[in-house]
N, C-alpha and C. Protein backbone atom coordinates (compact mmCIF):
# COMPACT_ATOMS: atom_id res chain seq x y z
N MET A 1 23.07 18.63 -18.12
CA MET A 1 21.69 18.57 -17.70
C MET A 1 21.65 18.08 -16.24
N THR A 2 20.85 18.73 -15.43
CA THR A 2 20.71 18.38 -14.02
C THR A 2 19.72 17.24 -13.87
N GLU A 3 20.12 16.27 -13.08
CA GLU A 3 19.27 15.12 -12.84
C GLU A 3 18.30 15.41 -11.70
N VAL A 4 17.06 14.99 -11.83
CA VAL A 4 16.06 15.18 -10.80
C VAL A 4 16.16 14.02 -9.82
N ARG A 5 16.42 14.34 -8.54
CA ARG A 5 16.55 13.30 -7.52
C ARG A 5 15.23 12.55 -7.38
N GLY A 6 15.32 11.24 -7.40
CA GLY A 6 14.14 10.40 -7.21
C GLY A 6 13.37 10.09 -8.49
N LEU A 7 13.78 10.68 -9.60
CA LEU A 7 13.05 10.47 -10.86
C LEU A 7 13.12 9.01 -11.32
N ARG A 8 14.30 8.45 -11.34
CA ARG A 8 14.44 7.04 -11.79
C ARG A 8 13.66 6.12 -10.85
N ALA A 9 13.75 6.36 -9.56
CA ALA A 9 13.01 5.54 -8.59
C ALA A 9 11.51 5.66 -8.83
N SER A 10 11.04 6.86 -9.12
CA SER A 10 9.61 7.09 -9.38
C SER A 10 9.15 6.39 -10.65
N ILE A 11 10.00 6.38 -11.65
CA ILE A 11 9.66 5.69 -12.91
C ILE A 11 9.59 4.18 -12.67
N LEU A 12 10.55 3.65 -11.93
CA LEU A 12 10.52 2.21 -11.62
C LEU A 12 9.29 1.86 -10.78
N LEU A 13 8.92 2.72 -9.85
CA LEU A 13 7.72 2.51 -9.05
C LEU A 13 6.48 2.49 -9.94
N ALA A 14 6.39 3.43 -10.87
CA ALA A 14 5.24 3.47 -11.78
C ALA A 14 5.19 2.20 -12.64
N GLN A 15 6.33 1.74 -13.09
CA GLN A 15 6.37 0.49 -13.87
C GLN A 15 5.91 -0.69 -13.02
N ALA A 16 6.35 -0.74 -11.79
CA ALA A 16 5.96 -1.85 -10.89
C ALA A 16 4.46 -1.82 -10.64
N ARG A 17 3.92 -0.64 -10.38
CA ARG A 17 2.47 -0.54 -10.14
C ARG A 17 1.68 -0.95 -11.38
N SER A 18 2.16 -0.53 -12.51
CA SER A 18 1.48 -0.88 -13.77
C SER A 18 1.50 -2.39 -13.99
N ARG A 19 2.61 -3.01 -13.74
CA ARG A 19 2.71 -4.47 -13.93
C ARG A 19 1.88 -5.21 -12.89
N PHE A 20 1.83 -4.70 -11.68
CA PHE A 20 1.00 -5.32 -10.65
C PHE A 20 -0.47 -5.27 -11.07
N THR A 21 -0.89 -4.12 -11.55
CA THR A 21 -2.28 -3.95 -12.00
C THR A 21 -2.59 -4.87 -13.18
N ALA A 22 -1.60 -5.07 -14.04
CA ALA A 22 -1.78 -5.93 -15.21
C ALA A 22 -1.64 -7.41 -14.89
N GLY A 23 -1.32 -7.73 -13.65
CA GLY A 23 -1.19 -9.14 -13.27
C GLY A 23 0.15 -9.75 -13.61
N ARG A 24 1.14 -8.93 -13.91
CA ARG A 24 2.48 -9.43 -14.23
C ARG A 24 3.32 -9.44 -12.94
N PHE A 25 2.93 -10.30 -12.01
CA PHE A 25 3.45 -10.28 -10.65
C PHE A 25 4.94 -10.59 -10.56
N ALA A 26 5.45 -11.42 -11.43
CA ALA A 26 6.86 -11.80 -11.36
C ALA A 26 7.78 -10.60 -11.57
N ASP A 27 7.30 -9.60 -12.29
CA ASP A 27 8.12 -8.41 -12.59
C ASP A 27 8.10 -7.38 -11.46
N VAL A 28 7.12 -7.46 -10.58
CA VAL A 28 6.84 -6.36 -9.66
C VAL A 28 7.91 -6.20 -8.58
N GLU A 29 8.17 -7.24 -7.82
CA GLU A 29 9.11 -7.08 -6.70
C GLU A 29 10.52 -6.70 -7.16
N PRO A 30 11.05 -7.29 -8.24
CA PRO A 30 12.38 -6.83 -8.69
C PRO A 30 12.40 -5.34 -9.06
N LEU A 31 11.34 -4.87 -9.70
CA LEU A 31 11.28 -3.44 -10.02
C LEU A 31 11.22 -2.59 -8.75
N LEU A 32 10.45 -3.04 -7.78
CA LEU A 32 10.36 -2.30 -6.52
C LEU A 32 11.69 -2.29 -5.78
N ARG A 33 12.41 -3.40 -5.82
CA ARG A 33 13.73 -3.46 -5.18
C ARG A 33 14.72 -2.50 -5.86
N GLN A 34 14.64 -2.43 -7.19
CA GLN A 34 15.48 -1.47 -7.92
C GLN A 34 15.10 -0.05 -7.54
N ALA A 35 13.80 0.22 -7.49
CA ALA A 35 13.32 1.55 -7.13
C ALA A 35 13.77 1.92 -5.72
N LEU A 36 13.72 0.96 -4.82
CA LEU A 36 14.13 1.18 -3.44
C LEU A 36 15.60 1.58 -3.37
N ALA A 37 16.43 0.86 -4.10
CA ALA A 37 17.87 1.17 -4.12
C ALA A 37 18.12 2.58 -4.68
N GLU A 38 17.41 2.92 -5.73
CA GLU A 38 17.55 4.26 -6.33
C GLU A 38 17.10 5.34 -5.35
N ALA A 39 15.97 5.14 -4.70
CA ALA A 39 15.43 6.14 -3.77
C ALA A 39 16.34 6.30 -2.56
N GLU A 40 16.91 5.20 -2.08
CA GLU A 40 17.85 5.28 -0.95
C GLU A 40 19.10 6.05 -1.35
N GLN A 41 19.59 5.79 -2.55
CA GLN A 41 20.78 6.48 -3.05
C GLN A 41 20.52 7.97 -3.22
N ASP A 42 19.34 8.31 -3.73
CA ASP A 42 19.00 9.72 -3.98
C ASP A 42 18.54 10.44 -2.72
N ASP A 43 18.25 9.68 -1.64
CA ASP A 43 17.79 10.24 -0.37
C ASP A 43 16.56 11.13 -0.58
N VAL A 44 15.49 10.49 -1.09
CA VAL A 44 14.21 11.18 -1.30
C VAL A 44 13.16 10.45 -0.45
N PRO A 45 12.95 10.93 0.79
CA PRO A 45 12.09 10.21 1.72
C PRO A 45 10.66 9.96 1.23
N ALA A 46 10.05 10.91 0.55
CA ALA A 46 8.66 10.73 0.10
C ALA A 46 8.57 9.60 -0.92
N VAL A 47 9.50 9.55 -1.84
CA VAL A 47 9.51 8.48 -2.85
C VAL A 47 9.83 7.15 -2.18
N LEU A 48 10.77 7.17 -1.27
CA LEU A 48 11.15 5.95 -0.54
C LEU A 48 9.95 5.39 0.23
N LEU A 49 9.19 6.27 0.89
CA LEU A 49 8.01 5.84 1.63
C LEU A 49 6.96 5.21 0.72
N GLU A 50 6.74 5.80 -0.43
CA GLU A 50 5.76 5.25 -1.37
C GLU A 50 6.20 3.87 -1.86
N ILE A 51 7.48 3.72 -2.16
CA ILE A 51 8.00 2.43 -2.63
C ILE A 51 7.87 1.38 -1.54
N LEU A 52 8.24 1.72 -0.32
CA LEU A 52 8.13 0.77 0.79
C LEU A 52 6.67 0.37 1.02
N SER A 53 5.76 1.31 0.86
CA SER A 53 4.34 1.03 1.05
C SER A 53 3.83 0.05 0.00
N VAL A 54 4.18 0.29 -1.25
CA VAL A 54 3.76 -0.61 -2.33
C VAL A 54 4.43 -1.97 -2.15
N LEU A 55 5.70 -1.98 -1.78
CA LEU A 55 6.41 -3.24 -1.55
C LEU A 55 5.74 -4.03 -0.43
N ALA A 56 5.36 -3.37 0.64
CA ALA A 56 4.67 -4.05 1.75
C ALA A 56 3.35 -4.64 1.27
N PHE A 57 2.62 -3.89 0.45
CA PHE A 57 1.34 -4.40 -0.05
C PHE A 57 1.54 -5.59 -0.99
N VAL A 58 2.50 -5.48 -1.88
CA VAL A 58 2.79 -6.56 -2.83
C VAL A 58 3.23 -7.82 -2.09
N CYS A 59 4.13 -7.66 -1.12
CA CYS A 59 4.62 -8.83 -0.37
C CYS A 59 3.50 -9.45 0.47
N THR A 60 2.64 -8.62 1.03
CA THR A 60 1.50 -9.15 1.78
C THR A 60 0.57 -9.91 0.85
N SER A 61 0.31 -9.35 -0.32
CA SER A 61 -0.58 -10.00 -1.29
C SER A 61 -0.04 -11.35 -1.73
N ALA A 62 1.28 -11.47 -1.75
CA ALA A 62 1.93 -12.73 -2.14
C ALA A 62 2.19 -13.62 -0.92
N THR A 63 1.67 -13.22 0.23
CA THR A 63 1.87 -13.88 1.53
C THR A 63 3.35 -14.09 1.86
N ARG A 64 4.14 -13.13 1.47
CA ARG A 64 5.56 -13.09 1.85
C ARG A 64 5.63 -12.17 3.07
N LEU A 65 5.15 -12.67 4.19
CA LEU A 65 4.90 -11.82 5.35
C LEU A 65 6.17 -11.29 6.01
N ARG A 66 7.24 -12.03 5.98
CA ARG A 66 8.49 -11.52 6.56
C ARG A 66 8.98 -10.31 5.77
N HIS A 67 8.92 -10.40 4.44
CA HIS A 67 9.33 -9.28 3.59
C HIS A 67 8.39 -8.10 3.77
N ALA A 68 7.10 -8.40 3.91
CA ALA A 68 6.13 -7.34 4.14
C ALA A 68 6.42 -6.64 5.45
N ARG A 69 6.72 -7.41 6.50
CA ARG A 69 7.02 -6.82 7.81
C ARG A 69 8.25 -5.93 7.73
N GLU A 70 9.27 -6.37 7.00
CA GLU A 70 10.49 -5.55 6.86
C GLU A 70 10.17 -4.22 6.20
N ALA A 71 9.37 -4.25 5.14
CA ALA A 71 8.99 -3.01 4.45
C ALA A 71 8.13 -2.12 5.35
N LEU A 72 7.20 -2.73 6.09
CA LEU A 72 6.36 -1.96 7.02
C LEU A 72 7.21 -1.33 8.12
N ASP A 73 8.16 -2.06 8.64
CA ASP A 73 9.04 -1.52 9.68
C ASP A 73 9.86 -0.35 9.15
N GLN A 74 10.41 -0.51 7.96
CA GLN A 74 11.19 0.57 7.36
C GLN A 74 10.31 1.80 7.12
N ALA A 75 9.09 1.60 6.69
CA ALA A 75 8.17 2.71 6.46
C ALA A 75 7.86 3.42 7.78
N SER A 76 7.67 2.66 8.85
CA SER A 76 7.39 3.26 10.16
C SER A 76 8.56 4.11 10.64
N VAL A 77 9.77 3.61 10.45
CA VAL A 77 10.97 4.36 10.83
C VAL A 77 11.04 5.66 10.03
N LEU A 78 10.78 5.56 8.75
CA LEU A 78 10.82 6.73 7.87
C LEU A 78 9.78 7.77 8.28
N LEU A 79 8.57 7.31 8.59
CA LEU A 79 7.51 8.24 9.03
C LEU A 79 7.89 8.92 10.34
N ALA A 80 8.51 8.19 11.24
CA ALA A 80 8.93 8.76 12.53
C ALA A 80 10.06 9.79 12.32
N ALA A 81 10.95 9.51 11.39
CA ALA A 81 12.08 10.40 11.13
C ALA A 81 11.68 11.65 10.36
N HIS A 82 10.59 11.56 9.61
CA HIS A 82 10.13 12.67 8.77
C HIS A 82 8.65 12.92 9.02
N PRO A 83 8.32 13.59 10.13
CA PRO A 83 6.90 13.77 10.50
C PRO A 83 6.07 14.55 9.47
N GLY A 84 6.71 15.23 8.55
CA GLY A 84 5.98 15.98 7.53
C GLY A 84 5.50 15.13 6.37
N LEU A 85 5.94 13.88 6.31
CA LEU A 85 5.53 13.00 5.21
C LEU A 85 4.06 12.61 5.38
N LEU A 86 3.36 12.54 4.27
CA LEU A 86 1.98 12.05 4.29
C LEU A 86 2.01 10.53 4.24
N ARG A 87 1.18 9.92 5.06
CA ARG A 87 1.10 8.45 5.12
C ARG A 87 0.34 7.96 3.89
N PRO A 88 0.97 7.16 3.03
CA PRO A 88 0.28 6.67 1.83
C PRO A 88 -0.86 5.70 2.18
N VAL A 89 -1.95 5.80 1.47
CA VAL A 89 -3.08 4.90 1.68
C VAL A 89 -2.66 3.46 1.46
N VAL A 90 -1.79 3.22 0.50
CA VAL A 90 -1.37 1.85 0.21
C VAL A 90 -0.62 1.25 1.40
N LEU A 91 0.01 2.08 2.23
CA LEU A 91 0.66 1.57 3.44
C LEU A 91 -0.38 0.99 4.39
N ASP A 92 -1.49 1.70 4.58
CA ASP A 92 -2.54 1.19 5.45
C ASP A 92 -3.26 0.00 4.84
N LEU A 93 -3.32 -0.07 3.53
CA LEU A 93 -3.88 -1.26 2.89
C LEU A 93 -3.00 -2.48 3.19
N ALA A 94 -1.68 -2.28 3.15
CA ALA A 94 -0.75 -3.37 3.47
C ALA A 94 -0.90 -3.78 4.94
N VAL A 95 -1.02 -2.81 5.82
CA VAL A 95 -1.20 -3.11 7.25
C VAL A 95 -2.50 -3.90 7.45
N ALA A 96 -3.57 -3.44 6.79
CA ALA A 96 -4.88 -4.11 6.94
C ALA A 96 -4.84 -5.54 6.41
N ARG A 97 -4.25 -5.74 5.26
CA ARG A 97 -4.20 -7.09 4.67
C ARG A 97 -3.34 -8.02 5.54
N ARG A 98 -2.23 -7.52 6.03
CA ARG A 98 -1.38 -8.35 6.90
C ARG A 98 -2.14 -8.69 8.18
N ALA A 99 -2.81 -7.72 8.76
CA ALA A 99 -3.59 -7.95 9.98
C ALA A 99 -4.70 -8.97 9.72
N GLU A 100 -5.30 -8.90 8.55
CA GLU A 100 -6.35 -9.87 8.19
C GLU A 100 -5.77 -11.28 8.17
N LEU A 101 -4.62 -11.44 7.56
CA LEU A 101 -3.99 -12.76 7.49
C LEU A 101 -3.63 -13.30 8.86
N GLU A 102 -3.40 -12.39 9.80
CA GLU A 102 -3.04 -12.78 11.16
C GLU A 102 -4.25 -12.77 12.10
N ALA A 103 -5.44 -12.49 11.56
CA ALA A 103 -6.68 -12.40 12.35
C ALA A 103 -6.55 -11.39 13.48
N ASP A 104 -5.85 -10.30 13.21
CA ASP A 104 -5.68 -9.20 14.16
C ASP A 104 -6.69 -8.11 13.79
N TRP A 105 -7.92 -8.29 14.26
CA TRP A 105 -9.03 -7.45 13.82
C TRP A 105 -8.91 -6.01 14.30
N ALA A 106 -8.33 -5.79 15.47
CA ALA A 106 -8.17 -4.42 15.98
C ALA A 106 -7.22 -3.62 15.07
N THR A 107 -6.11 -4.24 14.70
CA THR A 107 -5.15 -3.57 13.81
C THR A 107 -5.77 -3.36 12.44
N MET A 108 -6.47 -4.37 11.94
CA MET A 108 -7.11 -4.25 10.64
C MET A 108 -8.13 -3.11 10.66
N GLY A 109 -8.95 -3.05 11.72
CA GLY A 109 -9.96 -2.00 11.82
C GLY A 109 -9.35 -0.62 11.86
N ALA A 110 -8.26 -0.45 12.59
CA ALA A 110 -7.59 0.85 12.67
C ALA A 110 -7.02 1.25 11.30
N ALA A 111 -6.44 0.29 10.59
CA ALA A 111 -5.88 0.58 9.26
C ALA A 111 -6.99 0.91 8.28
N VAL A 112 -8.11 0.19 8.33
CA VAL A 112 -9.25 0.48 7.46
C VAL A 112 -9.78 1.88 7.77
N ASP A 113 -9.88 2.22 9.04
CA ASP A 113 -10.34 3.56 9.43
C ASP A 113 -9.44 4.64 8.85
N ARG A 114 -8.13 4.42 8.86
CA ARG A 114 -7.20 5.41 8.29
C ARG A 114 -7.38 5.54 6.78
N THR A 115 -7.66 4.43 6.09
CA THR A 115 -7.87 4.52 4.63
C THR A 115 -9.13 5.31 4.33
N ILE A 116 -10.16 5.11 5.13
CA ILE A 116 -11.42 5.84 4.93
C ILE A 116 -11.22 7.32 5.26
N ALA A 117 -10.49 7.60 6.34
CA ALA A 117 -10.24 8.99 6.75
C ALA A 117 -9.43 9.75 5.71
N ALA A 118 -8.67 9.02 4.89
CA ALA A 118 -7.86 9.68 3.85
C ALA A 118 -8.75 10.33 2.80
N GLY A 119 -10.03 9.96 2.77
CA GLY A 119 -10.95 10.57 1.82
C GLY A 119 -11.05 9.78 0.54
N PRO A 120 -11.86 10.28 -0.37
CA PRO A 120 -12.06 9.58 -1.65
C PRO A 120 -10.74 9.41 -2.40
N ILE A 121 -10.60 8.29 -3.02
CA ILE A 121 -9.37 7.96 -3.74
C ILE A 121 -9.70 7.73 -5.21
N HIS A 122 -10.39 8.65 -5.81
CA HIS A 122 -10.89 8.45 -7.16
C HIS A 122 -9.81 8.58 -8.24
N ALA A 123 -8.69 9.20 -7.89
CA ALA A 123 -7.65 9.37 -8.90
C ALA A 123 -7.06 8.04 -9.34
N ASP A 124 -7.07 7.07 -8.47
CA ASP A 124 -6.53 5.76 -8.78
C ASP A 124 -7.61 4.72 -8.54
N ALA A 125 -8.24 4.26 -9.61
CA ALA A 125 -9.36 3.32 -9.50
C ALA A 125 -8.93 2.02 -8.82
N GLY A 126 -7.69 1.60 -9.04
CA GLY A 126 -7.20 0.38 -8.41
C GLY A 126 -7.12 0.51 -6.90
N ILE A 127 -6.62 1.64 -6.44
CA ILE A 127 -6.54 1.88 -5.00
C ILE A 127 -7.94 2.02 -4.41
N ALA A 128 -8.81 2.75 -5.09
CA ALA A 128 -10.19 2.92 -4.61
C ALA A 128 -10.89 1.57 -4.49
N GLY A 129 -10.72 0.71 -5.47
CA GLY A 129 -11.32 -0.62 -5.43
C GLY A 129 -10.73 -1.47 -4.32
N THR A 130 -9.43 -1.34 -4.11
CA THR A 130 -8.77 -2.11 -3.06
C THR A 130 -9.21 -1.64 -1.68
N VAL A 131 -9.38 -0.34 -1.51
CA VAL A 131 -9.89 0.20 -0.24
C VAL A 131 -11.26 -0.41 0.05
N ALA A 132 -12.14 -0.41 -0.96
CA ALA A 132 -13.49 -0.96 -0.78
C ALA A 132 -13.43 -2.46 -0.46
N PHE A 133 -12.57 -3.18 -1.14
CA PHE A 133 -12.43 -4.62 -0.91
C PHE A 133 -11.95 -4.90 0.51
N VAL A 134 -10.91 -4.20 0.94
CA VAL A 134 -10.36 -4.41 2.28
C VAL A 134 -11.37 -4.02 3.34
N GLN A 135 -12.07 -2.92 3.10
CA GLN A 135 -13.12 -2.50 4.04
C GLN A 135 -14.21 -3.58 4.13
N ALA A 136 -14.60 -4.12 3.00
CA ALA A 136 -15.62 -5.17 2.99
C ALA A 136 -15.12 -6.43 3.71
N CYS A 137 -13.87 -6.78 3.52
CA CYS A 137 -13.30 -7.94 4.23
C CYS A 137 -13.37 -7.73 5.74
N TYR A 138 -13.07 -6.52 6.17
CA TYR A 138 -13.14 -6.22 7.60
C TYR A 138 -14.58 -6.32 8.10
N LEU A 139 -15.50 -5.79 7.34
CA LEU A 139 -16.91 -5.85 7.74
C LEU A 139 -17.40 -7.30 7.82
N VAL A 140 -16.98 -8.12 6.88
CA VAL A 140 -17.34 -9.54 6.92
C VAL A 140 -16.77 -10.18 8.18
N ALA A 141 -15.52 -9.88 8.49
CA ALA A 141 -14.88 -10.44 9.69
C ALA A 141 -15.63 -10.02 10.96
N CYS A 142 -16.27 -8.85 10.91
CA CYS A 142 -17.03 -8.35 12.06
C CYS A 142 -18.48 -8.82 12.03
N GLY A 143 -18.83 -9.62 11.02
CA GLY A 143 -20.19 -10.15 10.92
C GLY A 143 -21.19 -9.18 10.32
N GLU A 144 -20.70 -8.12 9.70
CA GLU A 144 -21.56 -7.09 9.09
C GLU A 144 -21.70 -7.36 7.59
N LEU A 145 -22.36 -8.46 7.24
CA LEU A 145 -22.44 -8.88 5.84
C LEU A 145 -23.20 -7.89 4.96
N ALA A 146 -24.32 -7.40 5.44
CA ALA A 146 -25.12 -6.46 4.65
C ALA A 146 -24.34 -5.17 4.41
N GLN A 147 -23.64 -4.71 5.42
CA GLN A 147 -22.84 -3.48 5.28
C GLN A 147 -21.68 -3.72 4.31
N ALA A 148 -21.09 -4.90 4.35
CA ALA A 148 -20.00 -5.23 3.42
C ALA A 148 -20.51 -5.22 1.98
N GLU A 149 -21.69 -5.79 1.78
CA GLU A 149 -22.28 -5.78 0.44
C GLU A 149 -22.54 -4.36 -0.04
N ARG A 150 -23.08 -3.52 0.84
CA ARG A 150 -23.33 -2.11 0.48
C ARG A 150 -22.04 -1.41 0.12
N CYS A 151 -21.02 -1.68 0.87
CA CYS A 151 -19.71 -1.08 0.62
C CYS A 151 -19.22 -1.42 -0.79
N LEU A 152 -19.34 -2.68 -1.17
CA LEU A 152 -18.88 -3.10 -2.49
C LEU A 152 -19.78 -2.56 -3.60
N ARG A 153 -21.06 -2.53 -3.36
CA ARG A 153 -21.97 -1.99 -4.38
C ARG A 153 -21.72 -0.50 -4.59
N THR A 154 -21.50 0.23 -3.51
CA THR A 154 -21.23 1.66 -3.61
C THR A 154 -19.92 1.90 -4.35
N ALA A 155 -18.91 1.11 -4.04
CA ALA A 155 -17.61 1.26 -4.70
C ALA A 155 -17.69 0.98 -6.18
N ARG A 156 -18.56 0.06 -6.55
CA ARG A 156 -18.69 -0.32 -7.96
C ARG A 156 -19.14 0.85 -8.82
N ARG A 157 -19.95 1.73 -8.22
CA ARG A 157 -20.41 2.91 -8.95
C ARG A 157 -19.27 3.85 -9.19
C-alpha cells in the first residue's frame, strides 16, 4: 500500500486543533511538534505551513513569544520559498495577536486586514470567531468601541 505524504502530519494537526478547541492545551504543542517533524520528513510545504501557523498561534496564545517568533519566521521562509502557497488565516491571527501583545498597532492592523481580505471563514466556526475577536481587539485599541461591539455582534450571528 502506498503511503500518502503528509497524511500522518495532517492527522496530528487535526488532533492538535481539536484539543486546542476543547481546551486541552497541554496536549496541543507536543502534537504540533510531532506533526512538524512528520511534515518536514515528508517534505509537504502546504501541510508544514499550516502546522507552523497553528503552532505560532498556540504559542502566542500561551505567551510563549520566542517559540511563536520561531514558528512565524519559519512560516515566512516557507512562503518566500513557495510563492504558490496560500497564506493561512491562522498565520495572520498569530501575527495579529503577537503584535497586540507588543502594542505594535500597525502590524496588528495589517494582519487583521489580511484576515478580513481572506473572506468569510464560515467553514471553521472557531477561526471565524477568532477573526472577529482579534478584529474587535484591534478596534478597541484604535478607540473604535462601537465598531468593535458591532463586529462582535455580527460575528455572533
